[in-house]
PDB file of all heavy atoms in Angstrom:
ATOM      1  N   GLY A   1      12.661  -9.899  -1.258  1.00  0.00           N
ATOM      2  CA  GLY A   1      12.056  -8.574  -1.089  1.00  0.00           C
ATOM      3  C   GLY A   1      10.539  -8.630  -1.225  1.00  0.00           C
ATOM      4  O   GLY A   1       9.814  -7.982  -0.481  1.00  0.00           O
ATOM      5  N   ILE A   2      10.058  -9.336  -2.242  1.00  0.00           N
ATOM      6  CA  ILE A   2       8.611  -9.444  -2.448  1.00  0.00           C
ATOM      7  C   ILE A   2       7.960 -10.105  -1.243  1.00  0.00           C
ATOM      8  O   ILE A   2       6.924  -9.652  -0.770  1.00  0.00           O
ATOM      9  CB  ILE A   2       8.264 -10.225  -3.762  1.00  0.00           C
ATOM     10  CG1 ILE A   2       8.731  -9.428  -4.971  1.00  0.00           C
ATOM     11  CG2 ILE A   2       6.783 -10.526  -3.828  1.00  0.00           C
ATOM     12  CD1 ILE A   2       8.628 -10.238  -6.282  1.00  0.00           C
ATOM     13  N   GLY A   3       8.546 -11.157  -0.771  1.00  0.00           N
ATOM     14  CA  GLY A   3       8.014 -11.927   0.352  1.00  0.00           C
ATOM     15  C   GLY A   3       7.933 -11.040   1.636  1.00  0.00           C
ATOM     16  O   GLY A   3       7.028 -11.162   2.405  1.00  0.00           O
ATOM     17  N   HIS A   4       8.991 -10.213   1.835  1.00  0.00           N
ATOM     18  CA  HIS A   4       9.019  -9.344   2.997  1.00  0.00           C
ATOM     19  C   HIS A   4       7.945  -8.307   2.961  1.00  0.00           C
ATOM     20  O   HIS A   4       7.377  -7.869   3.958  1.00  0.00           O
ATOM     21  CB  HIS A   4      10.418  -8.702   3.091  1.00  0.00           C
ATOM     22  CG  HIS A   4      10.713  -8.122   4.445  1.00  0.00           C
ATOM     23  ND1 HIS A   4      11.908  -7.651   4.825  1.00  0.00           N
ATOM     24  CD2 HIS A   4       9.916  -7.991   5.545  1.00  0.00           C
ATOM     25  CE1 HIS A   4      11.867  -7.245   6.091  1.00  0.00           C
ATOM     26  NE2 HIS A   4      10.719  -7.419   6.528  1.00  0.00           N
ATOM     27  N   MET A   5       7.602  -7.809   1.770  1.00  0.00           N
ATOM     28  CA  MET A   5       6.651  -6.705   1.603  1.00  0.00           C
ATOM     29  C   MET A   5       5.179  -7.264   1.570  1.00  0.00           C
ATOM     30  O   MET A   5       4.304  -6.677   2.143  1.00  0.00           O
ATOM     31  CB  MET A   5       6.968  -5.865   0.385  1.00  0.00           C
ATOM     32  CG  MET A   5       8.146  -4.956   0.567  1.00  0.00           C
ATOM     33  SD  MET A   5       8.430  -3.866  -0.901  1.00  0.00           S
ATOM     34  CE  MET A   5       9.275  -5.004  -2.006  1.00  0.00           C
ATOM     35  N   VAL A   6       4.986  -8.308   0.776  1.00  0.00           N
ATOM     36  CA  VAL A   6       3.613  -8.784   0.578  1.00  0.00           C
ATOM     37  C   VAL A   6       3.295  -9.889   1.621  1.00  0.00           C
ATOM     38  O   VAL A   6       3.530 -11.083   1.415  1.00  0.00           O
ATOM     39  CB  VAL A   6       3.474  -9.361  -0.832  1.00  0.00           C
ATOM     40  CG1 VAL A   6       1.998  -9.844  -1.013  1.00  0.00           C
ATOM     41  CG2 VAL A   6       3.853  -8.322  -1.892  1.00  0.00           C
ATOM     42  N   GLY A   7       2.795  -9.428   2.740  1.00  0.00           N
ATOM     43  CA  GLY A   7       2.504 -10.349   3.758  1.00  0.00           C
ATOM     44  C   GLY A   7       1.199  -9.955   4.504  1.00  0.00           C
ATOM     45  O   GLY A   7       0.147  -9.915   3.896  1.00  0.00           O
ATOM     46  N   ALA A   8       1.312  -9.656   5.776  1.00  0.00           N
ATOM     47  CA  ALA A   8       0.120  -9.300   6.588  1.00  0.00           C
ATOM     48  C   ALA A   8      -0.565  -8.061   6.023  1.00  0.00           C
ATOM     49  O   ALA A   8      -1.767  -7.980   6.089  1.00  0.00           O
ATOM     50  CB  ALA A   8       0.542  -9.134   8.033  1.00  0.00           C
ATOM     51  N   GLY A   9       0.158  -7.168   5.450  1.00  0.00           N
ATOM     52  CA  GLY A   9      -0.390  -5.936   4.968  1.00  0.00           C
ATOM     53  C   GLY A   9      -1.477  -6.114   3.919  1.00  0.00           C
ATOM     54  O   GLY A   9      -2.526  -5.476   3.926  1.00  0.00           O
ATOM     55  N   ILE A  10      -1.253  -7.025   3.025  1.00  0.00           N
ATOM     56  CA  ILE A  10      -2.241  -7.232   1.882  1.00  0.00           C
ATOM     57  C   ILE A  10      -3.539  -7.757   2.363  1.00  0.00           C
ATOM     58  O   ILE A  10      -4.605  -7.466   1.821  1.00  0.00           O
ATOM     59  CB  ILE A  10      -1.606  -8.155   0.813  1.00  0.00           C
ATOM     60  CG1 ILE A  10      -2.405  -8.009  -0.493  1.00  0.00           C
ATOM     61  CG2 ILE A  10      -1.548  -9.572   1.259  1.00  0.00           C
ATOM     62  CD1 ILE A  10      -2.194  -6.768  -1.208  1.00  0.00           C
ATOM     63  N   TYR A  11      -3.515  -8.517   3.463  1.00  0.00           N
ATOM     64  CA  TYR A  11      -4.733  -9.215   3.933  1.00  0.00           C
ATOM     65  C   TYR A  11      -5.410  -8.448   5.078  1.00  0.00           C
ATOM     66  O   TYR A  11      -6.578  -8.646   5.358  1.00  0.00           O
ATOM     67  CB  TYR A  11      -4.443 -10.643   4.420  1.00  0.00           C
ATOM     68  CG  TYR A  11      -3.906 -11.481   3.280  1.00  0.00           C
ATOM     69  CD1 TYR A  11      -2.532 -11.743   3.148  1.00  0.00           C
ATOM     70  CD2 TYR A  11      -4.776 -12.035   2.330  1.00  0.00           C
ATOM     71  CE1 TYR A  11      -2.081 -12.560   2.086  1.00  0.00           C
ATOM     72  CE2 TYR A  11      -4.319 -12.794   1.291  1.00  0.00           C
ATOM     73  CZ  TYR A  11      -2.944 -13.091   1.165  1.00  0.00           C
ATOM     74  OH  TYR A  11      -2.475 -13.845   0.137  1.00  0.00           O
ATOM     75  N   VAL A  12      -4.648  -7.587   5.745  1.00  0.00           N
ATOM     76  CA  VAL A  12      -5.206  -6.856   6.941  1.00  0.00           C
ATOM     77  C   VAL A  12      -5.328  -5.385   6.623  1.00  0.00           C
ATOM     78  O   VAL A  12      -6.406  -4.805   6.818  1.00  0.00           O
ATOM     79  CB  VAL A  12      -4.254  -7.057   8.183  1.00  0.00           C
ATOM     80  CG1 VAL A  12      -4.837  -6.237   9.344  1.00  0.00           C
ATOM     81  CG2 VAL A  12      -4.151  -8.542   8.554  1.00  0.00           C
ATOM     82  N   LEU A  13      -4.324  -4.771   6.067  1.00  0.00           N
ATOM     83  CA  LEU A  13      -4.293  -3.330   5.854  1.00  0.00           C
ATOM     84  C   LEU A  13      -5.294  -2.951   4.781  1.00  0.00           C
ATOM     85  O   LEU A  13      -5.958  -1.859   4.944  1.00  0.00           O
ATOM     86  CB  LEU A  13      -2.868  -2.918   5.415  1.00  0.00           C
ATOM     87  CG  LEU A  13      -2.640  -1.424   5.320  1.00  0.00           C
ATOM     88  CD1 LEU A  13      -2.721  -0.751   6.618  1.00  0.00           C
ATOM     89  CD2 LEU A  13      -1.270  -1.161   4.687  1.00  0.00           C
ATOM     90  N   THR A  14      -5.451  -3.707   3.732  1.00  0.00           N
ATOM     91  CA  THR A  14      -6.280  -3.321   2.590  1.00  0.00           C
ATOM     92  C   THR A  14      -7.741  -3.082   3.040  1.00  0.00           C
ATOM     93  O   THR A  14      -8.362  -2.046   2.677  1.00  0.00           O
ATOM     94  CB  THR A  14      -6.265  -4.411   1.521  1.00  0.00           C
ATOM     95  OG1 THR A  14      -4.922  -4.623   1.102  1.00  0.00           O
ATOM     96  CG2 THR A  14      -7.110  -4.057   0.295  1.00  0.00           C
ATOM     97  N   GLY A  15      -8.292  -4.013   3.857  1.00  0.00           N
ATOM     98  CA  GLY A  15      -9.687  -3.844   4.264  1.00  0.00           C
ATOM     99  C   GLY A  15      -9.868  -2.605   5.163  1.00  0.00           C
ATOM    100  O   GLY A  15     -10.883  -1.907   5.052  1.00  0.00           O
ATOM    101  N   THR A  16      -8.903  -2.389   6.103  1.00  0.00           N
ATOM    102  CA  THR A  16      -9.024  -1.249   7.003  1.00  0.00           C
ATOM    103  C   THR A  16      -8.992   0.056   6.268  1.00  0.00           C
ATOM    104  O   THR A  16      -9.838   0.977   6.493  1.00  0.00           O
ATOM    105  CB  THR A  16      -7.860  -1.303   8.023  1.00  0.00           C
ATOM    106  OG1 THR A  16      -7.949  -2.581   8.693  1.00  0.00           O
ATOM    107  CG2 THR A  16      -7.995  -0.163   9.016  1.00  0.00           C
ATOM    108  N   VAL A  17      -8.056   0.231   5.315  1.00  0.00           N
ATOM    109  CA  VAL A  17      -7.939   1.519   4.600  1.00  0.00           C
ATOM    110  C   VAL A  17      -9.124   1.724   3.709  1.00  0.00           C
ATOM    111  O   VAL A  17      -9.646   2.868   3.575  1.00  0.00           O
ATOM    112  CB  VAL A  17      -6.616   1.532   3.796  1.00  0.00           C
ATOM    113  CG1 VAL A  17      -6.522   2.763   2.957  1.00  0.00           C
ATOM    114  CG2 VAL A  17      -5.371   1.429   4.720  1.00  0.00           C
ATOM    115  N   ALA A  18      -9.598   0.684   3.016  1.00  0.00           N
ATOM    116  CA  ALA A  18     -10.701   0.783   2.112  1.00  0.00           C
ATOM    117  C   ALA A  18     -12.000   1.262   2.796  1.00  0.00           C
ATOM    118  O   ALA A  18     -12.728   2.078   2.349  1.00  0.00           O
ATOM    119  CB  ALA A  18     -10.901  -0.488   1.356  1.00  0.00           C
ATOM    120  N   LYS A  19     -12.245   0.669   3.962  1.00  0.00           N
ATOM    121  CA  LYS A  19     -13.517   0.960   4.667  1.00  0.00           C
ATOM    122  C   LYS A  19     -13.453   2.290   5.442  1.00  0.00           C
ATOM    123  O   LYS A  19     -14.429   3.087   5.409  1.00  0.00           O
ATOM    124  CB  LYS A  19     -13.921  -0.165   5.600  1.00  0.00           C
ATOM    125  CG  LYS A  19     -15.233   0.094   6.285  1.00  0.00           C
ATOM    126  CD  LYS A  19     -15.683  -1.104   7.113  1.00  0.00           C
ATOM    127  CE  LYS A  19     -17.049  -0.787   7.759  1.00  0.00           C
ATOM    128  NZ  LYS A  19     -17.561  -1.934   8.495  1.00  0.00           N
ATOM    129  N   GLU A  20     -12.374   2.491   6.122  1.00  0.00           N
ATOM    130  CA  GLU A  20     -12.319   3.581   7.114  1.00  0.00           C
ATOM    131  C   GLU A  20     -11.694   4.873   6.580  1.00  0.00           C
ATOM    132  O   GLU A  20     -11.850   5.926   7.194  1.00  0.00           O
ATOM    133  CB  GLU A  20     -11.566   3.130   8.392  1.00  0.00           C
ATOM    134  CG  GLU A  20     -12.213   1.949   9.036  1.00  0.00           C
ATOM    135  CD  GLU A  20     -11.495   1.440  10.254  1.00  0.00           C
ATOM    136  OE1 GLU A  20     -10.417   2.062  10.563  1.00  0.00           O
ATOM    137  OE2 GLU A  20     -11.915   0.460  10.863  1.00  0.00           O
ATOM    138  N   ILE A  21     -10.889   4.792   5.461  1.00  0.00           N
ATOM    139  CA  ILE A  21     -10.185   6.003   5.058  1.00  0.00           C
ATOM    140  C   ILE A  21     -10.491   6.376   3.611  1.00  0.00           C
ATOM    141  O   ILE A  21     -10.974   7.487   3.376  1.00  0.00           O
ATOM    142  CB  ILE A  21      -8.665   5.780   5.196  1.00  0.00           C
ATOM    143  CG1 ILE A  21      -8.294   5.451   6.637  1.00  0.00           C
ATOM    144  CG2 ILE A  21      -7.907   7.014   4.739  1.00  0.00           C
ATOM    145  CD1 ILE A  21      -6.872   5.146   6.924  1.00  0.00           C
ATOM    146  N   ALA A  22     -10.219   5.500   2.664  1.00  0.00           N
ATOM    147  CA  ALA A  22     -10.188   5.941   1.261  1.00  0.00           C
ATOM    148  C   ALA A  22     -11.272   5.361   0.369  1.00  0.00           C
ATOM    149  O   ALA A  22     -11.417   5.857  -0.771  1.00  0.00           O
ATOM    150  CB  ALA A  22      -8.793   5.647   0.700  1.00  0.00           C
ATOM    151  N   GLY A  23     -11.950   4.263   0.830  1.00  0.00           N
ATOM    152  CA  GLY A  23     -12.910   3.735  -0.035  1.00  0.00           C
ATOM    153  C   GLY A  23     -12.315   3.138  -1.367  1.00  0.00           C
ATOM    154  O   GLY A  23     -11.156   2.675  -1.377  1.00  0.00           O
ATOM    155  N   PRO A  24     -13.011   3.291  -2.486  1.00  0.00           N
ATOM    156  CA  PRO A  24     -12.429   2.788  -3.755  1.00  0.00           C
ATOM    157  C   PRO A  24     -11.167   3.564  -4.180  1.00  0.00           C
ATOM    158  O   PRO A  24     -10.376   3.079  -4.991  1.00  0.00           O
ATOM    159  CB  PRO A  24     -13.550   3.057  -4.769  1.00  0.00           C
ATOM    160  CG  PRO A  24     -14.760   3.094  -3.946  1.00  0.00           C
ATOM    161  CD  PRO A  24     -14.389   3.667  -2.649  1.00  0.00           C
ATOM    162  N   TRP A  25     -10.967   4.761  -3.572  1.00  0.00           N
ATOM    163  CA  TRP A  25      -9.728   5.550  -3.863  1.00  0.00           C
ATOM    164  C   TRP A  25      -8.514   4.887  -3.250  1.00  0.00           C
ATOM    165  O   TRP A  25      -7.430   5.422  -3.402  1.00  0.00           O
ATOM    166  CB  TRP A  25      -9.905   6.996  -3.294  1.00  0.00           C
ATOM    167  CG  TRP A  25     -10.960   7.782  -4.000  1.00  0.00           C
ATOM    168  CD1 TRP A  25     -12.160   8.078  -3.514  1.00  0.00           C
ATOM    169  CD2 TRP A  25     -10.917   8.358  -5.314  1.00  0.00           C
ATOM    170  NE1 TRP A  25     -12.920   8.787  -4.414  1.00  0.00           N
ATOM    171  CE2 TRP A  25     -12.101   9.002  -5.529  1.00  0.00           C
ATOM    172  CE3 TRP A  25      -9.938   8.395  -6.310  1.00  0.00           C
ATOM    173  CZ2 TRP A  25     -12.387   9.687  -6.702  1.00  0.00           C
ATOM    174  CZ3 TRP A  25     -10.194   9.037  -7.462  1.00  0.00           C
ATOM    175  CH2 TRP A  25     -11.415   9.684  -7.664  1.00  0.00           C
ATOM    176  N   ILE A  26      -8.641   3.819  -2.605  1.00  0.00           N
ATOM    177  CA  ILE A  26      -7.508   3.097  -2.083  1.00  0.00           C
ATOM    178  C   ILE A  26      -6.488   2.757  -3.145  1.00  0.00           C
ATOM    179  O   ILE A  26      -5.290   2.607  -2.934  1.00  0.00           O
ATOM    180  CB  ILE A  26      -7.954   1.809  -1.336  1.00  0.00           C
ATOM    181  CG1 ILE A  26      -6.745   1.155  -0.569  1.00  0.00           C
ATOM    182  CG2 ILE A  26      -8.577   0.835  -2.257  1.00  0.00           C
ATOM    183  CD1 ILE A  26      -7.128  -0.045   0.299  1.00  0.00           C
ATOM    184  N   ILE A  27      -6.964   2.600  -4.398  1.00  0.00           N
ATOM    185  CA  ILE A  27      -6.087   2.330  -5.518  1.00  0.00           C
ATOM    186  C   ILE A  27      -5.054   3.476  -5.632  1.00  0.00           C
ATOM    187  O   ILE A  27      -3.872   3.226  -5.791  1.00  0.00           O
ATOM    188  CB  ILE A  27      -6.866   2.165  -6.787  1.00  0.00           C
ATOM    189  CG1 ILE A  27      -7.767   0.901  -6.698  1.00  0.00           C
ATOM    190  CG2 ILE A  27      -5.942   2.040  -7.998  1.00  0.00           C
ATOM    191  CD1 ILE A  27      -8.672   0.738  -7.918  1.00  0.00           C
ATOM    192  N   MET A  28      -5.566   4.705  -5.592  1.00  0.00           N
ATOM    193  CA  MET A  28      -4.698   5.896  -5.747  1.00  0.00           C
ATOM    194  C   MET A  28      -3.751   5.956  -4.486  1.00  0.00           C
ATOM    195  O   MET A  28      -2.624   6.327  -4.621  1.00  0.00           O
ATOM    196  CB  MET A  28      -5.517   7.151  -5.803  1.00  0.00           C
ATOM    197  CG  MET A  28      -6.291   7.284  -7.070  1.00  0.00           C
ATOM    198  SD  MET A  28      -5.205   7.329  -8.550  1.00  0.00           S
ATOM    199  CE  MET A  28      -4.228   8.838  -8.222  1.00  0.00           C
ATOM    200  N   SER A  29      -4.285   5.585  -3.296  1.00  0.00           N
ATOM    201  CA  SER A  29      -3.467   5.638  -2.109  1.00  0.00           C
ATOM    202  C   SER A  29      -2.264   4.675  -2.210  1.00  0.00           C
ATOM    203  O   SER A  29      -1.117   5.050  -1.881  1.00  0.00           O
ATOM    204  CB  SER A  29      -4.276   5.212  -0.867  1.00  0.00           C
ATOM    205  OG  SER A  29      -5.277   6.178  -0.615  1.00  0.00           O
ATOM    206  N   PHE A  30      -2.506   3.453  -2.773  1.00  0.00           N
ATOM    207  CA  PHE A  30      -1.395   2.531  -2.934  1.00  0.00           C
ATOM    208  C   PHE A  30      -0.467   3.024  -4.020  1.00  0.00           C
ATOM    209  O   PHE A  30       0.766   2.748  -3.938  1.00  0.00           O
ATOM    210  CB  PHE A  30      -1.948   1.144  -3.282  1.00  0.00           C
ATOM    211  CG  PHE A  30      -2.233   0.269  -2.058  1.00  0.00           C
ATOM    212  CD1 PHE A  30      -3.534  -0.162  -1.833  1.00  0.00           C
ATOM    213  CD2 PHE A  30      -1.179  -0.052  -1.200  1.00  0.00           C
ATOM    214  CE1 PHE A  30      -3.766  -0.939  -0.698  1.00  0.00           C
ATOM    215  CE2 PHE A  30      -1.407  -0.871  -0.118  1.00  0.00           C
ATOM    216  CZ  PHE A  30      -2.735  -1.312   0.162  1.00  0.00           C
ATOM    217  N   MET A  31      -0.946   3.677  -5.013  1.00  0.00           N
ATOM    218  CA  MET A  31      -0.074   4.251  -6.055  1.00  0.00           C
ATOM    219  C   MET A  31       0.887   5.295  -5.496  1.00  0.00           C
ATOM    220  O   MET A  31       2.089   5.233  -5.758  1.00  0.00           O
ATOM    221  CB  MET A  31      -0.872   4.774  -7.233  1.00  0.00           C
ATOM    222  CG  MET A  31      -1.544   3.765  -8.102  1.00  0.00           C
ATOM    223  SD  MET A  31      -2.435   4.469  -9.489  1.00  0.00           S
ATOM    224  CE  MET A  31      -3.014   3.055 -10.378  1.00  0.00           C
ATOM    225  N   LEU A  32       0.278   6.187  -4.778  1.00  0.00           N
ATOM    226  CA  LEU A  32       1.128   7.303  -4.166  1.00  0.00           C
ATOM    227  C   LEU A  32       2.130   6.711  -3.172  1.00  0.00           C
ATOM    228  O   LEU A  32       3.275   7.115  -3.152  1.00  0.00           O
ATOM    229  CB  LEU A  32       0.194   8.291  -3.492  1.00  0.00           C
ATOM    230  CG  LEU A  32      -0.626   9.197  -4.435  1.00  0.00           C
ATOM    231  CD1 LEU A  32      -1.578  10.092  -3.585  1.00  0.00           C
ATOM    232  CD2 LEU A  32       0.234  10.029  -5.344  1.00  0.00           C
ATOM    233  N   ALA A  33       1.657   5.779  -2.313  1.00  0.00           N
ATOM    234  CA  ALA A  33       2.598   5.200  -1.343  1.00  0.00           C
ATOM    235  C   ALA A  33       3.687   4.439  -2.082  1.00  0.00           C
ATOM    236  O   ALA A  33       4.871   4.487  -1.662  1.00  0.00           O
ATOM    237  CB  ALA A  33       1.830   4.257  -0.428  1.00  0.00           C
ATOM    238  N   GLY A  34       3.311   3.727  -3.148  1.00  0.00           N
ATOM    239  CA  GLY A  34       4.299   3.009  -3.948  1.00  0.00           C
ATOM    240  C   GLY A  34       5.309   3.940  -4.596  1.00  0.00           C
ATOM    241  O   GLY A  34       6.505   3.641  -4.650  1.00  0.00           O
ATOM    242  N   ALA A  35       4.828   5.091  -5.135  1.00  0.00           N
ATOM    243  CA  ALA A  35       5.749   6.051  -5.755  1.00  0.00           C
ATOM    244  C   ALA A  35       6.758   6.630  -4.709  1.00  0.00           C
ATOM    245  O   ALA A  35       7.938   6.742  -4.939  1.00  0.00           O
ATOM    246  CB  ALA A  35       5.001   7.176  -6.386  1.00  0.00           C
ATOM    247  N   ALA A  36       6.223   6.951  -3.517  1.00  0.00           N
ATOM    248  CA  ALA A  36       7.128   7.472  -2.424  1.00  0.00           C
ATOM    249  C   ALA A  36       8.122   6.413  -2.039  1.00  0.00           C
ATOM    250  O   ALA A  36       9.286   6.707  -1.759  1.00  0.00           O
ATOM    251  CB  ALA A  36       6.266   7.916  -1.245  1.00  0.00           C
ATOM    252  N   SER A  37       7.734   5.179  -1.979  1.00  0.00           N
ATOM    253  CA  SER A  37       8.603   4.083  -1.571  1.00  0.00           C
ATOM    254  C   SER A  37       9.656   3.840  -2.670  1.00  0.00           C
ATOM    255  O   SER A  37      10.813   3.549  -2.371  1.00  0.00           O
ATOM    256  CB  SER A  37       7.802   2.798  -1.277  1.00  0.00           C
ATOM    257  OG  SER A  37       6.911   3.013  -0.263  1.00  0.00           O
ATOM    258  N   MET A  38       9.250   3.987  -3.911  1.00  0.00           N
ATOM    259  CA  MET A  38      10.172   3.720  -5.030  1.00  0.00           C
ATOM    260  C   MET A  38      11.316   4.765  -5.028  1.00  0.00           C
ATOM    261  O   MET A  38      12.445   4.443  -5.350  1.00  0.00           O
ATOM    262  CB  MET A  38       9.442   3.813  -6.331  1.00  0.00           C
ATOM    263  CG  MET A  38      10.316   3.564  -7.530  1.00  0.00           C
ATOM    264  SD  MET A  38      11.089   1.922  -7.547  1.00  0.00           S
ATOM    265  CE  MET A  38       9.738   0.941  -8.280  1.00  0.00           C
ATOM    266  N   LEU A  39      11.046   6.036  -4.617  1.00  0.00           N
ATOM    267  CA  LEU A  39      12.085   7.036  -4.505  1.00  0.00           C
ATOM    268  C   LEU A  39      13.145   6.611  -3.549  1.00  0.00           C
ATOM    269  O   LEU A  39      14.325   6.701  -3.847  1.00  0.00           O
ATOM    270  CB  LEU A  39      11.437   8.349  -4.044  1.00  0.00           C
ATOM    271  CG  LEU A  39      10.443   9.038  -4.984  1.00  0.00           C
ATOM    272  CD1 LEU A  39       9.865  10.248  -4.339  1.00  0.00           C
ATOM    273  CD2 LEU A  39      11.107   9.399  -6.307  1.00  0.00           C
ATOM    274  N   ALA A  40      12.758   6.121  -2.387  1.00  0.00           N
ATOM    275  CA  ALA A  40      13.709   5.616  -1.391  1.00  0.00           C
ATOM    276  C   ALA A  40      14.397   4.344  -1.877  1.00  0.00           C
ATOM    277  O   ALA A  40      15.582   4.161  -1.679  1.00  0.00           O
ATOM    278  CB  ALA A  40      13.051   5.374  -0.049  1.00  0.00           C
ATOM    279  N   ALA A  41      13.645   3.447  -2.569  1.00  0.00           N
ATOM    280  CA  ALA A  41      14.208   2.199  -3.064  1.00  0.00           C
ATOM    281  C   ALA A  41      15.314   2.464  -4.092  1.00  0.00           C
ATOM    282  O   ALA A  41      16.324   1.690  -4.093  1.00  0.00           O
ATOM    283  CB  ALA A  41      13.082   1.371  -3.665  1.00  0.00           C
ATOM    284  N   LEU A  42      15.161   3.450  -4.961  1.00  0.00           N
ATOM    285  CA  LEU A  42      16.160   3.782  -5.931  1.00  0.00           C
ATOM    286  C   LEU A  42      17.499   4.200  -5.228  1.00  0.00           C
ATOM    287  O   LEU A  42      18.583   3.847  -5.672  1.00  0.00           O
ATOM    288  CB  LEU A  42      15.723   4.878  -6.828  1.00  0.00           C
ATOM    289  CG  LEU A  42      14.564   4.548  -7.799  1.00  0.00           C
ATOM    290  CD1 LEU A  42      14.097   5.788  -8.558  1.00  0.00           C
ATOM    291  CD2 LEU A  42      15.023   3.485  -8.804  1.00  0.00           C
ATOM    292  N   CYS A  43      17.360   4.952  -4.145  1.00  0.00           N
ATOM    293  CA  CYS A  43      18.573   5.337  -3.361  1.00  0.00           C
ATOM    294  C   CYS A  43      19.223   4.158  -2.781  1.00  0.00           C
ATOM    295  O   CYS A  43      20.459   4.026  -2.728  1.00  0.00           O
ATOM    296  CB  CYS A  43      18.168   6.366  -2.268  1.00  0.00           C
ATOM    297  SG  CYS A  43      17.463   7.922  -2.979  1.00  0.00           S
TER     298      CYS A  43
END
């Protein structure tokens, strides 16, 4: 599961979101996205 999730996204997505969308607030973006994903993961 970890290998499937931590791949291209960590090296490509992080830079794009930080520069073009959220800046340093990308930390909060990943927290919110992780919380939403955890809800589905529990199910």
